[in-house]
Structure formats: structure tokens, C-alpha cells
């Protein structure tokens, strides 16, 4: 089993889609191992997305991620990182496959409903950003 991080972004929270997205993830075989609601500060969002700090969209990403509460979620299943990337769909919802989370719930390329770790190595780093090991429920 592999773990990964998803973040239901502020647009998902504000639009009342968080429960639908969590249900979608469970229907795709993910088990929720940890979950919390947070309102990121500018410093927290900047630190989390530091890998993108030189990219032109960094400022608007930090602004968006601090615009309201979001929900970091620790997920587990076989091939969790790859599976989540497939279930999320393309970053641009206009290019996302039918039935993916972003096709169903994202408004545009910036307000795209969900973040997912892009590698097992980054998943470990990102999970540790939001959860201590004692926060995560162990598999039965």
C-alpha cells in the first residue's frame, strides 16, 4: 500500500463539494488515513508550494490557497500517487477526462479543486507538512 496527499482546495470547500470529492476518492478505492480543515497563512502556502516559487503563477497560487479553508487528506491504496493523479484529471479542467474530479468540480486551471502529490517522494514530504505520524490512522 502507498500513501499520498490530496488537498481539497479553497474552491472545493467554498462550493460545498468537499464531501462529494471525498466520496469520489473513496469510490476509487482510497482509504482516508488523516484529514483536517486548515486556513493556510501566506507563509504556510508559500512554504508548501516553494518548489514553484520561480514560476509566474506562484503569487496567484499562494493567494488562492490562502483565500479560504482547504482540506489536506492523507490517502492510501495500491499505487496511490499514480491513482490519485488519474482520478484528479488534467490540471486544466477543460482538458480533463470525463468523470475526473477536475472535470466535475473545477472552474478553471487556477481554481482546479484538488492538489495531489506528484511522486512517492513528494507525497512523503507533503504528508509530513500537514500530518505527524501520530495523526495518521494505521491500516487494519
Protein backbone atom coordinates (compact mmCIF):
# COMPACT_ATOMS: atom_id res chain seq x y z
CA UNK A 1 0.00 0.00 0.00
CA UNK A 2 1.12 3.52 -0.75
CA UNK A 3 0.14 6.84 0.79
CA UNK A 4 -0.30 10.20 -0.91
CA UNK A 5 -1.60 13.65 -0.11
CA UNK A 6 -4.60 15.35 -1.62
CA UNK A 7 -5.68 18.88 -0.76
CA UNK A 8 -9.25 19.85 -1.42
CA UNK A 9 -8.59 23.44 -2.37
CA UNK A 10 -10.47 26.54 -1.14
CA UNK A 11 -12.84 26.46 -4.13
CA UNK A 12 -13.95 22.91 -3.27
CA UNK A 13 -14.55 23.91 0.34
CA UNK A 14 -16.39 27.13 -0.54
CA UNK A 15 -18.57 25.47 -3.20
CA UNK A 16 -19.70 22.67 -0.88
CA UNK A 17 -18.01 19.99 -2.97
CA UNK A 18 -15.62 18.61 -0.35
CA UNK A 19 -17.91 15.75 0.67
CA UNK A 20 -18.58 14.82 -2.94
CA UNK A 21 -14.87 14.75 -3.70
CA UNK A 22 -14.11 12.65 -0.62
CA UNK A 23 -16.86 10.21 -1.64
CA UNK A 24 -15.40 10.11 -5.16
CA UNK A 25 -11.97 9.26 -3.75
CA UNK A 26 -13.39 6.50 -1.54
CA UNK A 27 -15.31 5.09 -4.51
CA UNK A 28 -11.97 4.92 -6.36
CA UNK A 29 -10.55 2.69 -3.62
CA UNK A 30 -8.73 5.25 -1.48
CA UNK A 31 -8.82 4.94 2.29
CA UNK A 32 -8.67 8.17 4.29
CA UNK A 33 -5.86 7.91 6.87
CA UNK A 34 -5.94 11.55 8.01
CA UNK A 35 -7.95 14.69 7.33
CA UNK A 36 -8.11 18.22 8.68
CA UNK A 37 -9.55 21.59 7.75
CA UNK A 38 -6.99 24.41 7.70
CA UNK A 39 -6.84 28.02 6.57
CA UNK A 40 -3.28 28.41 5.31
CA UNK A 41 -1.33 31.54 6.05
CA UNK A 42 0.70 33.18 3.30
CA UNK A 43 3.88 31.79 4.89
CA UNK A 44 2.47 28.24 5.02
CA UNK A 45 1.21 28.30 1.43
CA UNK A 46 4.50 29.80 0.27
CA UNK A 47 6.47 27.10 2.06
CA UNK A 48 4.27 24.29 0.76
CA UNK A 49 4.49 25.49 -2.86
CA UNK A 50 8.12 26.68 -2.61
CA UNK A 51 9.06 24.33 -5.46
CA UNK A 52 7.06 26.68 -7.73
CA UNK A 53 8.48 29.93 -6.30
CA UNK A 54 10.20 30.91 -9.56
CA UNK A 55 7.16 30.16 -11.71
CA UNK A 56 4.97 33.05 -12.91
CA UNK A 57 1.86 31.61 -11.26
CA UNK A 58 3.39 31.31 -7.76
CA UNK A 59 1.90 34.55 -6.40
CA UNK A 60 -1.61 33.81 -7.61
CA UNK A 61 -1.33 30.21 -6.34
CA UNK A 62 -0.38 31.39 -2.84
CA UNK A 63 -3.16 33.99 -2.93
CA UNK A 64 -5.70 31.36 -3.98
CA UNK A 65 -4.56 28.80 -1.41
CA UNK A 66 -4.90 31.40 1.37
CA UNK A 67 -8.30 32.66 0.19
CA UNK A 68 -10.25 30.27 2.42
CA UNK A 69 -10.14 26.93 4.21
CA UNK A 70 -8.79 23.85 2.48
CA UNK A 71 -8.74 20.19 3.45
CA UNK A 72 -5.48 18.21 3.39
CA UNK A 73 -6.22 14.49 3.20
CA UNK A 74 -3.85 11.56 3.71
CA UNK A 75 -4.94 8.80 1.35
CA UNK A 76 -3.86 5.19 0.96
CA UNK A 77 -4.28 2.48 -1.67
CA UNK A 78 -2.19 0.49 -4.12
CA UNK A 79 -0.33 2.90 -6.42
CA UNK A 80 -1.89 5.83 -4.58
CA UNK A 81 0.18 8.59 -6.19
CA UNK A 82 -0.44 7.47 -9.77
CA UNK A 83 -4.05 6.57 -8.98
CA UNK A 84 -4.80 9.97 -7.48
CA UNK A 85 -3.26 11.77 -10.45
CA UNK A 86 -5.56 9.77 -12.75
CA UNK A 87 -8.67 10.36 -10.62
CA UNK A 88 -7.93 14.11 -10.37
CA UNK A 89 -7.62 14.63 -14.12
CA UNK A 90 -5.60 17.21 -16.03
CA UNK A 91 -4.67 20.46 -14.27
CA UNK A 92 -6.83 22.35 -16.76
CA UNK A 93 -10.39 21.07 -16.29
CA UNK A 94 -11.12 21.84 -19.95
CA UNK A 95 -8.59 19.12 -20.81
CA UNK A 96 -9.57 16.69 -18.03
CA UNK A 97 -11.19 13.37 -18.87
CA UNK A 98 -14.89 12.91 -18.22
CA UNK A 99 -15.65 11.71 -14.71
CA UNK A 100 -12.43 13.04 -13.17
CA UNK A 101 -12.58 15.31 -10.14
CA UNK A 102 -11.36 18.35 -12.03
CA UNK A 103 -13.79 17.79 -14.90
CA UNK A 104 -16.63 17.53 -12.39
CA UNK A 105 -15.71 20.20 -9.85
CA UNK A 106 -13.00 22.59 -11.10
CA UNK A 107 -13.82 26.03 -12.50
CA UNK A 108 -10.58 26.71 -14.37
CA UNK A 109 -6.85 25.99 -14.43
CA UNK A 110 -6.23 28.02 -11.26
CA UNK A 111 -9.37 27.10 -9.31
CA UNK A 112 -8.93 23.42 -10.04
CA UNK A 113 -10.49 21.82 -6.96
CA UNK A 114 -7.71 19.49 -5.80
CA UNK A 115 -3.96 19.09 -5.34
CA UNK A 116 -2.24 15.71 -5.45
CA UNK A 117 1.34 14.69 -4.80
CA UNK A 118 3.28 14.00 -7.99
CA UNK A 119 5.67 11.31 -6.72
CA UNK A 120 6.01 8.96 -3.76
CA UNK A 121 8.99 11.04 -2.55
CA UNK A 122 6.98 14.28 -2.66
CA UNK A 123 4.00 12.53 -1.10
CA UNK A 124 6.11 11.74 1.98
CA UNK A 125 7.31 15.35 2.22
CA UNK A 126 3.83 16.79 1.66
CA UNK A 127 2.16 14.42 4.12
CA UNK A 128 4.69 15.46 6.78
CA UNK A 129 3.88 19.12 6.09
CA UNK A 130 0.30 18.60 7.33
CA UNK A 131 0.37 15.46 9.49
CA UNK A 132 2.60 13.92 12.12
CA UNK A 133 2.83 10.13 12.09
CA UNK A 134 0.55 10.04 15.15
CA UNK A 135 -2.13 11.94 13.19
CA UNK A 136 -2.46 9.16 10.63
CA UNK A 137 -4.67 6.17 11.27
CA UNK A 138 -2.81 2.93 10.62
CA UNK A 139 -4.15 0.31 8.24
CA UNK A 140 -6.03 -2.51 9.93
